[in-house]
Amino acid sequence: MTTQTFDFSSVWFVDAEPPDVVAVLADIDRYPTWWPQVRSVDRIDDDSGIAVVRSLLPVTLRLRLTRVVADREAGVLRVLLAGDLVGHAQWRIAAVPQGSVLHFAQSVRVATRLERVATLVPLLLRANHAWMMRQCRHGLAREVTPRR
């Protein structure tokens, strides 16, 4: 068994104003419309929901997302993750010339049912996550463009 933690981070530029980017990222109910790897989101209450996620690997993840920070003015969004991944994910969005810079950070450990996969192929898991986040970047860019 493993207790390995996976830390991921990304920094992107998007050609949109921070309030528009924050609005899209804060609306998790719409993620499946612009981020193909987020298959569904079922709301539990105002601050939490269950997301079903599947990327390149043949593993479907069920994640309970619980909002802990939603400071739209500061551009900070943070959720706790439970289920197949346990930990947190956070977006920080800031204004830069001609748009926004986004900082994404995630720190998770893999749930018991997936520990064997995580132990055997951590580089594959990292590559899978990187591909999924590239898809997020492209989908987000398309989603915020009409808002300008």
N, C-alpha and C. Protein backbone atom coordinates (compact mmCIF):
# COMPACT_ATOMS: atom_id res chain seq x y z
N MET A 1 0.84 -1.18 0.00
CA MET A 1 0.00 0.00 0.00
C MET A 1 0.88 1.24 0.00
N THR A 2 0.30 2.34 -0.49
CA THR A 2 1.05 3.58 -0.59
C THR A 2 0.31 4.71 0.11
N THR A 3 1.07 5.63 0.60
CA THR A 3 0.48 6.88 1.09
C THR A 3 1.06 8.03 0.28
N GLN A 4 1.52 7.70 -0.92
CA GLN A 4 2.14 8.70 -1.77
C GLN A 4 1.17 9.84 -2.09
N THR A 5 1.70 11.04 -1.95
CA THR A 5 0.94 12.23 -2.30
C THR A 5 1.39 12.71 -3.67
N PHE A 6 0.45 13.11 -4.47
CA PHE A 6 0.74 13.66 -5.79
C PHE A 6 0.46 15.16 -5.73
N ASP A 7 1.47 15.95 -6.07
CA ASP A 7 1.32 17.39 -6.14
C ASP A 7 1.42 17.82 -7.59
N PHE A 8 0.44 18.58 -8.03
CA PHE A 8 0.39 19.06 -9.41
C PHE A 8 0.28 20.58 -9.39
N SER A 9 0.88 21.21 -10.37
CA SER A 9 0.70 22.65 -10.51
C SER A 9 0.81 23.04 -11.98
N SER A 10 0.10 24.08 -12.33
CA SER A 10 0.10 24.60 -13.68
C SER A 10 -0.03 26.11 -13.61
N VAL A 11 0.57 26.79 -14.58
CA VAL A 11 0.41 28.24 -14.71
C VAL A 11 0.07 28.50 -16.17
N TRP A 12 -1.03 29.22 -16.41
CA TRP A 12 -1.49 29.50 -17.77
C TRP A 12 -1.84 30.97 -17.92
N PHE A 13 -1.87 31.39 -19.16
CA PHE A 13 -2.41 32.69 -19.53
C PHE A 13 -3.70 32.44 -20.30
N VAL A 14 -4.72 33.25 -20.03
CA VAL A 14 -5.97 33.19 -20.78
C VAL A 14 -6.31 34.62 -21.19
N ASP A 15 -6.72 34.77 -22.43
CA ASP A 15 -7.07 36.07 -22.99
C ASP A 15 -8.49 36.45 -22.58
N ALA A 16 -8.67 36.70 -21.28
CA ALA A 16 -9.96 37.10 -20.73
C ALA A 16 -9.71 37.78 -19.39
N GLU A 17 -10.64 38.61 -19.00
CA GLU A 17 -10.51 39.33 -17.73
C GLU A 17 -10.74 38.39 -16.54
N PRO A 18 -10.05 38.63 -15.42
CA PRO A 18 -10.19 37.74 -14.25
C PRO A 18 -11.64 37.49 -13.80
N PRO A 19 -12.52 38.50 -13.73
CA PRO A 19 -13.89 38.19 -13.30
C PRO A 19 -14.59 37.17 -14.19
N ASP A 20 -14.30 37.22 -15.50
CA ASP A 20 -14.90 36.25 -16.42
C ASP A 20 -14.35 34.85 -16.19
N VAL A 21 -13.04 34.77 -15.97
CA VAL A 21 -12.40 33.48 -15.73
C VAL A 21 -12.89 32.89 -14.41
N VAL A 22 -12.92 33.71 -13.38
CA VAL A 22 -13.39 33.25 -12.06
C VAL A 22 -14.83 32.76 -12.16
N ALA A 23 -15.67 33.48 -12.89
CA ALA A 23 -17.08 33.07 -13.02
C ALA A 23 -17.20 31.68 -13.64
N VAL A 24 -16.40 31.41 -14.66
CA VAL A 24 -16.45 30.09 -15.30
C VAL A 24 -15.93 29.02 -14.35
N LEU A 25 -14.80 29.27 -13.71
CA LEU A 25 -14.21 28.26 -12.82
C LEU A 25 -15.05 28.03 -11.57
N ALA A 26 -15.77 29.03 -11.11
CA ALA A 26 -16.60 28.87 -9.91
C ALA A 26 -17.87 28.08 -10.19
N ASP A 27 -18.27 27.99 -11.44
CA ASP A 27 -19.52 27.32 -11.81
C ASP A 27 -19.25 25.86 -12.18
N ILE A 28 -19.03 25.03 -11.16
CA ILE A 28 -18.65 23.63 -11.43
C ILE A 28 -19.76 22.85 -12.11
N ASP A 29 -20.99 23.28 -11.98
CA ASP A 29 -22.09 22.58 -12.64
C ASP A 29 -21.92 22.58 -14.16
N ARG A 30 -21.23 23.58 -14.69
CA ARG A 30 -21.05 23.69 -16.16
C ARG A 30 -19.75 23.07 -16.66
N TYR A 31 -18.90 22.58 -15.76
CA TYR A 31 -17.62 22.00 -16.21
C TYR A 31 -17.80 20.98 -17.33
N PRO A 32 -18.77 20.07 -17.26
CA PRO A 32 -18.89 19.08 -18.34
C PRO A 32 -19.17 19.68 -19.72
N THR A 33 -19.65 20.91 -19.79
CA THR A 33 -19.93 21.52 -21.08
C THR A 33 -18.68 22.02 -21.78
N TRP A 34 -17.60 22.28 -21.04
CA TRP A 34 -16.39 22.80 -21.67
C TRP A 34 -15.13 22.00 -21.35
N TRP A 35 -15.19 21.09 -20.38
CA TRP A 35 -14.03 20.28 -20.01
C TRP A 35 -14.42 18.82 -20.22
N PRO A 36 -14.05 18.22 -21.36
CA PRO A 36 -14.56 16.89 -21.73
C PRO A 36 -14.27 15.78 -20.72
N GLN A 37 -13.20 15.89 -19.96
CA GLN A 37 -12.86 14.82 -19.01
C GLN A 37 -13.73 14.86 -17.76
N VAL A 38 -14.41 15.96 -17.52
CA VAL A 38 -15.37 16.02 -16.42
C VAL A 38 -16.70 15.55 -17.02
N ARG A 39 -17.02 14.29 -16.75
CA ARG A 39 -18.17 13.66 -17.40
C ARG A 39 -19.50 14.14 -16.84
N SER A 40 -19.53 14.38 -15.51
CA SER A 40 -20.77 14.86 -14.89
C SER A 40 -20.45 15.49 -13.55
N VAL A 41 -21.36 16.36 -13.12
CA VAL A 41 -21.31 16.95 -11.78
C VAL A 41 -22.73 16.92 -11.25
N ASP A 42 -22.90 16.28 -10.10
CA ASP A 42 -24.21 16.23 -9.44
C ASP A 42 -24.11 16.99 -8.13
N ARG A 43 -24.88 18.05 -8.04
CA ARG A 43 -24.86 18.93 -6.89
C ARG A 43 -25.45 18.22 -5.67
N ILE A 44 -24.77 18.32 -4.53
CA ILE A 44 -25.29 17.81 -3.25
C ILE A 44 -25.98 18.94 -2.50
N ASP A 45 -25.28 20.09 -2.41
CA ASP A 45 -25.82 21.28 -1.77
C ASP A 45 -25.09 22.48 -2.37
N ASP A 46 -25.24 23.66 -1.78
CA ASP A 46 -24.63 24.86 -2.35
C ASP A 46 -23.12 24.82 -2.40
N ASP A 47 -22.50 24.04 -1.52
CA ASP A 47 -21.04 24.02 -1.43
C ASP A 47 -20.39 22.70 -1.84
N SER A 48 -21.17 21.73 -2.28
CA SER A 48 -20.55 20.45 -2.61
C SER A 48 -21.30 19.72 -3.72
N GLY A 49 -20.56 18.81 -4.35
CA GLY A 49 -21.13 18.00 -5.40
C GLY A 49 -20.24 16.81 -5.70
N ILE A 50 -20.74 15.89 -6.49
CA ILE A 50 -19.99 14.71 -6.92
C ILE A 50 -19.64 14.89 -8.40
N ALA A 51 -18.35 14.83 -8.69
CA ALA A 51 -17.89 14.91 -10.08
C ALA A 51 -17.39 13.53 -10.51
N VAL A 52 -17.72 13.16 -11.74
CA VAL A 52 -17.22 11.94 -12.34
C VAL A 52 -16.23 12.38 -13.42
N VAL A 53 -14.99 11.90 -13.30
CA VAL A 53 -13.89 12.35 -14.16
C VAL A 53 -13.22 11.14 -14.79
N ARG A 54 -12.91 11.27 -16.09
CA ARG A 54 -12.16 10.23 -16.76
C ARG A 54 -11.28 10.87 -17.83
N SER A 55 -10.00 10.56 -17.78
CA SER A 55 -9.06 11.11 -18.73
C SER A 55 -8.61 10.00 -19.68
N LEU A 56 -7.33 9.96 -20.04
CA LEU A 56 -6.83 8.95 -20.97
C LEU A 56 -6.78 7.55 -20.37
N LEU A 57 -6.43 7.45 -19.11
CA LEU A 57 -6.36 6.13 -18.47
C LEU A 57 -7.75 5.53 -18.34
N PRO A 58 -7.87 4.23 -18.42
CA PRO A 58 -9.19 3.60 -18.30
C PRO A 58 -9.65 3.48 -16.85
N VAL A 59 -9.65 4.61 -16.16
CA VAL A 59 -10.07 4.67 -14.76
C VAL A 59 -11.01 5.85 -14.60
N THR A 60 -12.20 5.58 -14.10
CA THR A 60 -13.16 6.65 -13.83
C THR A 60 -13.09 7.00 -12.36
N LEU A 61 -12.92 8.29 -12.08
CA LEU A 61 -12.82 8.76 -10.70
C LEU A 61 -14.13 9.40 -10.27
N ARG A 62 -14.56 9.08 -9.06
CA ARG A 62 -15.69 9.77 -8.42
C ARG A 62 -15.10 10.63 -7.32
N LEU A 63 -15.37 11.92 -7.41
CA LEU A 63 -14.79 12.87 -6.47
C LEU A 63 -15.89 13.71 -5.83
N ARG A 64 -15.84 13.80 -4.52
CA ARG A 64 -16.71 14.75 -3.82
C ARG A 64 -15.92 16.04 -3.69
N LEU A 65 -16.45 17.12 -4.26
CA LEU A 65 -15.83 18.43 -4.20
C LEU A 65 -16.59 19.27 -3.18
N THR A 66 -15.86 19.84 -2.23
CA THR A 66 -16.48 20.70 -1.23
C THR A 66 -15.78 22.05 -1.25
N ARG A 67 -16.52 23.09 -1.59
CA ARG A 67 -15.95 24.44 -1.65
C ARG A 67 -15.56 24.90 -0.24
N VAL A 68 -14.33 25.37 -0.11
CA VAL A 68 -13.88 25.93 1.17
C VAL A 68 -13.48 27.39 1.03
N VAL A 69 -13.11 27.83 -0.18
CA VAL A 69 -12.82 29.23 -0.44
C VAL A 69 -13.41 29.59 -1.79
N ALA A 70 -14.14 30.70 -1.82
CA ALA A 70 -14.67 31.24 -3.08
C ALA A 70 -14.58 32.75 -2.99
N ASP A 71 -13.37 33.26 -3.01
CA ASP A 71 -13.13 34.70 -2.94
C ASP A 71 -12.97 35.22 -4.36
N ARG A 72 -14.08 35.59 -4.96
CA ARG A 72 -14.08 36.01 -6.36
C ARG A 72 -13.27 37.28 -6.58
N GLU A 73 -13.34 38.22 -5.65
CA GLU A 73 -12.57 39.46 -5.81
C GLU A 73 -11.07 39.20 -5.79
N ALA A 74 -10.63 38.32 -4.91
CA ALA A 74 -9.20 37.99 -4.84
C ALA A 74 -8.80 36.98 -5.91
N GLY A 75 -9.78 36.36 -6.56
CA GLY A 75 -9.50 35.36 -7.60
C GLY A 75 -9.00 34.04 -7.03
N VAL A 76 -9.52 33.65 -5.87
CA VAL A 76 -9.09 32.40 -5.24
C VAL A 76 -10.30 31.48 -5.08
N LEU A 77 -10.16 30.27 -5.63
CA LEU A 77 -11.18 29.22 -5.51
C LEU A 77 -10.49 27.96 -5.02
N ARG A 78 -11.02 27.36 -3.95
CA ARG A 78 -10.39 26.15 -3.39
C ARG A 78 -11.47 25.16 -3.00
N VAL A 79 -11.22 23.89 -3.35
CA VAL A 79 -12.12 22.81 -2.95
C VAL A 79 -11.33 21.71 -2.25
N LEU A 80 -12.02 21.05 -1.33
CA LEU A 80 -11.50 19.82 -0.74
C LEU A 80 -11.99 18.68 -1.61
N LEU A 81 -11.16 17.66 -1.77
CA LEU A 81 -11.51 16.49 -2.57
C LEU A 81 -11.61 15.28 -1.65
N ALA A 82 -12.62 14.48 -1.87
CA ALA A 82 -12.78 13.21 -1.17
C ALA A 82 -13.28 12.20 -2.19
N GLY A 83 -13.16 10.94 -1.87
CA GLY A 83 -13.56 9.89 -2.79
C GLY A 83 -12.33 9.19 -3.31
N ASP A 84 -12.21 9.06 -4.65
CA ASP A 84 -11.07 8.35 -5.24
C ASP A 84 -9.76 9.13 -5.11
N LEU A 85 -9.84 10.43 -4.93
CA LEU A 85 -8.68 11.26 -4.59
C LEU A 85 -9.04 12.04 -3.34
N VAL A 86 -8.07 12.16 -2.44
CA VAL A 86 -8.31 12.88 -1.18
C VAL A 86 -7.27 13.98 -1.07
N GLY A 87 -7.73 15.20 -0.89
CA GLY A 87 -6.81 16.33 -0.77
C GLY A 87 -7.51 17.62 -1.09
N HIS A 88 -6.85 18.47 -1.89
CA HIS A 88 -7.45 19.75 -2.26
C HIS A 88 -6.95 20.19 -3.64
N ALA A 89 -7.71 21.12 -4.21
CA ALA A 89 -7.33 21.76 -5.47
C ALA A 89 -7.66 23.24 -5.34
N GLN A 90 -6.82 24.07 -5.97
CA GLN A 90 -7.03 25.51 -5.84
C GLN A 90 -6.66 26.24 -7.14
N TRP A 91 -7.45 27.24 -7.46
CA TRP A 91 -7.17 28.18 -8.55
C TRP A 91 -6.87 29.54 -7.96
N ARG A 92 -5.87 30.22 -8.50
CA ARG A 92 -5.61 31.64 -8.22
C ARG A 92 -5.56 32.34 -9.57
N ILE A 93 -6.40 33.34 -9.71
CA ILE A 93 -6.51 34.05 -10.97
C ILE A 93 -6.14 35.51 -10.74
N ALA A 94 -5.25 36.05 -11.56
CA ALA A 94 -4.82 37.44 -11.40
C ALA A 94 -4.77 38.13 -12.76
N ALA A 95 -4.95 39.44 -12.72
CA ALA A 95 -4.91 40.24 -13.95
C ALA A 95 -3.47 40.42 -14.41
N VAL A 96 -3.29 40.33 -15.71
CA VAL A 96 -2.03 40.65 -16.38
C VAL A 96 -2.41 41.41 -17.64
N PRO A 97 -1.45 42.09 -18.29
CA PRO A 97 -1.81 42.77 -19.53
C PRO A 97 -2.46 41.81 -20.53
N GLN A 98 -3.54 42.22 -21.10
CA GLN A 98 -4.32 41.46 -22.08
C GLN A 98 -4.97 40.19 -21.54
N GLY A 99 -5.20 40.08 -20.24
CA GLY A 99 -5.91 38.90 -19.77
C GLY A 99 -5.67 38.53 -18.33
N SER A 100 -5.55 37.22 -18.13
CA SER A 100 -5.42 36.67 -16.78
C SER A 100 -4.35 35.61 -16.75
N VAL A 101 -3.68 35.50 -15.61
CA VAL A 101 -2.79 34.38 -15.37
C VAL A 101 -3.47 33.51 -14.33
N LEU A 102 -3.46 32.21 -14.58
CA LEU A 102 -4.10 31.24 -13.68
C LEU A 102 -3.03 30.35 -13.08
N HIS A 103 -3.10 30.19 -11.77
CA HIS A 103 -2.22 29.26 -11.07
C HIS A 103 -3.12 28.15 -10.51
N PHE A 104 -2.85 26.93 -10.93
CA PHE A 104 -3.61 25.78 -10.43
C PHE A 104 -2.67 24.95 -9.57
N ALA A 105 -3.15 24.54 -8.40
CA ALA A 105 -2.36 23.66 -7.53
C ALA A 105 -3.29 22.59 -6.96
N GLN A 106 -2.77 21.37 -6.93
CA GLN A 106 -3.54 20.25 -6.40
C GLN A 106 -2.59 19.35 -5.63
N SER A 107 -3.03 18.92 -4.47
CA SER A 107 -2.28 17.96 -3.68
C SER A 107 -3.26 16.88 -3.24
N VAL A 108 -3.01 15.64 -3.68
CA VAL A 108 -3.95 14.55 -3.41
C VAL A 108 -3.20 13.25 -3.11
N ARG A 109 -3.90 12.40 -2.42
CA ARG A 109 -3.45 11.01 -2.31
C ARG A 109 -4.54 10.16 -2.93
N VAL A 110 -4.14 9.02 -3.42
CA VAL A 110 -5.06 8.13 -4.13
C VAL A 110 -5.78 7.24 -3.12
N ALA A 111 -7.08 7.08 -3.32
CA ALA A 111 -7.89 6.25 -2.44
C ALA A 111 -7.47 4.79 -2.53
N THR A 112 -7.87 4.03 -1.55
CA THR A 112 -7.46 2.64 -1.41
C THR A 112 -7.66 1.81 -2.67
N ARG A 113 -8.80 1.94 -3.34
CA ARG A 113 -9.08 1.09 -4.50
C ARG A 113 -8.12 1.34 -5.67
N LEU A 114 -7.42 2.47 -5.67
CA LEU A 114 -6.52 2.81 -6.77
C LEU A 114 -5.05 2.82 -6.35
N GLU A 115 -4.74 2.43 -5.12
CA GLU A 115 -3.36 2.51 -4.64
C GLU A 115 -2.39 1.70 -5.47
N ARG A 116 -2.80 0.53 -5.89
CA ARG A 116 -1.91 -0.33 -6.67
C ARG A 116 -1.52 0.34 -7.99
N VAL A 117 -2.49 0.94 -8.67
CA VAL A 117 -2.21 1.64 -9.91
C VAL A 117 -1.25 2.80 -9.65
N ALA A 118 -1.49 3.55 -8.60
CA ALA A 118 -0.65 4.71 -8.29
C ALA A 118 0.78 4.29 -7.96
N THR A 119 0.94 3.16 -7.33
CA THR A 119 2.27 2.67 -6.98
C THR A 119 3.02 2.18 -8.22
N LEU A 120 2.32 1.52 -9.13
CA LEU A 120 2.96 0.93 -10.29
C LEU A 120 3.33 1.94 -11.38
N VAL A 121 2.51 2.97 -11.55
CA VAL A 121 2.72 3.85 -12.69
C VAL A 121 2.56 5.34 -12.35
N PRO A 122 3.31 5.85 -11.38
CA PRO A 122 3.14 7.26 -11.04
C PRO A 122 3.46 8.21 -12.20
N LEU A 123 4.44 7.87 -13.05
CA LEU A 123 4.74 8.75 -14.18
C LEU A 123 3.59 8.78 -15.17
N LEU A 124 2.92 7.65 -15.35
CA LEU A 124 1.76 7.61 -16.23
C LEU A 124 0.62 8.45 -15.66
N LEU A 125 0.43 8.39 -14.34
CA LEU A 125 -0.60 9.21 -13.71
C LEU A 125 -0.32 10.70 -13.89
N ARG A 126 0.96 11.07 -13.77
CA ARG A 126 1.33 12.48 -13.96
C ARG A 126 1.11 12.91 -15.41
N ALA A 127 1.45 12.06 -16.36
CA ALA A 127 1.23 12.38 -17.77
C ALA A 127 -0.26 12.49 -18.06
N ASN A 128 -1.06 11.61 -17.48
CA ASN A 128 -2.50 11.63 -17.65
C ASN A 128 -3.07 12.95 -17.11
N HIS A 129 -2.61 13.35 -15.92
CA HIS A 129 -3.07 14.60 -15.32
C HIS A 129 -2.68 15.80 -16.19
N ALA A 130 -1.45 15.80 -16.71
CA ALA A 130 -0.99 16.90 -17.55
C ALA A 130 -1.86 17.02 -18.80
N TRP A 131 -2.19 15.90 -19.42
CA TRP A 131 -3.04 15.93 -20.61
C TRP A 131 -4.43 16.47 -20.26
N MET A 132 -4.98 16.01 -19.14
CA MET A 132 -6.30 16.47 -18.71
C MET A 132 -6.29 17.98 -18.47
N MET A 133 -5.24 18.50 -17.87
CA MET A 133 -5.17 19.93 -17.61
C MET A 133 -4.98 20.73 -18.90
N ARG A 134 -4.29 20.18 -19.89
CA ARG A 134 -4.21 20.86 -21.19
C ARG A 134 -5.60 20.97 -21.81
N GLN A 135 -6.38 19.91 -21.68
CA GLN A 135 -7.75 19.95 -22.19
C GLN A 135 -8.57 20.99 -21.43
N CYS A 136 -8.35 21.11 -20.13
CA CYS A 136 -9.01 22.13 -19.33
C CYS A 136 -8.65 23.52 -19.85
N ARG A 137 -7.37 23.73 -20.09
CA ARG A 137 -6.91 25.05 -20.57
C ARG A 137 -7.58 25.41 -21.89
N HIS A 138 -7.62 24.48 -22.82
CA HIS A 138 -8.25 24.75 -24.12
C HIS A 138 -9.75 25.00 -23.99
N GLY A 139 -10.41 24.17 -23.20
CA GLY A 139 -11.85 24.33 -23.01
C GLY A 139 -12.19 25.64 -22.30
N LEU A 140 -11.41 25.97 -21.29
CA LEU A 140 -11.62 27.22 -20.56
C LEU A 140 -11.44 28.42 -21.48
N ALA A 141 -10.39 28.39 -22.29
CA ALA A 141 -10.15 29.50 -23.23
C ALA A 141 -11.34 29.68 -24.17
N ARG A 142 -11.89 28.57 -24.67
CA ARG A 142 -13.07 28.66 -25.55
C ARG A 142 -14.28 29.18 -24.78
N GLU A 143 -14.42 28.74 -23.55
CA GLU A 143 -15.59 29.11 -22.74
C GLU A 143 -15.59 30.59 -22.37
N VAL A 144 -14.45 31.16 -22.06
CA VAL A 144 -14.43 32.57 -21.63
C VAL A 144 -14.42 33.54 -22.80
N THR A 145 -14.06 33.10 -23.99
CA THR A 145 -14.01 34.00 -25.14
C THR A 145 -15.34 34.71 -25.40
N PRO A 146 -16.49 34.02 -25.40
CA PRO A 146 -17.75 34.71 -25.66
C PRO A 146 -18.12 35.72 -24.57
N ARG A 147 -17.54 35.58 -23.39
CA ARG A 147 -17.88 36.46 -22.28
C ARG A 147 -17.24 37.83 -22.41
N ARG A 148 -16.29 37.98 -23.31
CA ARG A 148 -15.59 39.27 -23.43
C ARG A 148 -16.43 40.28 -24.15
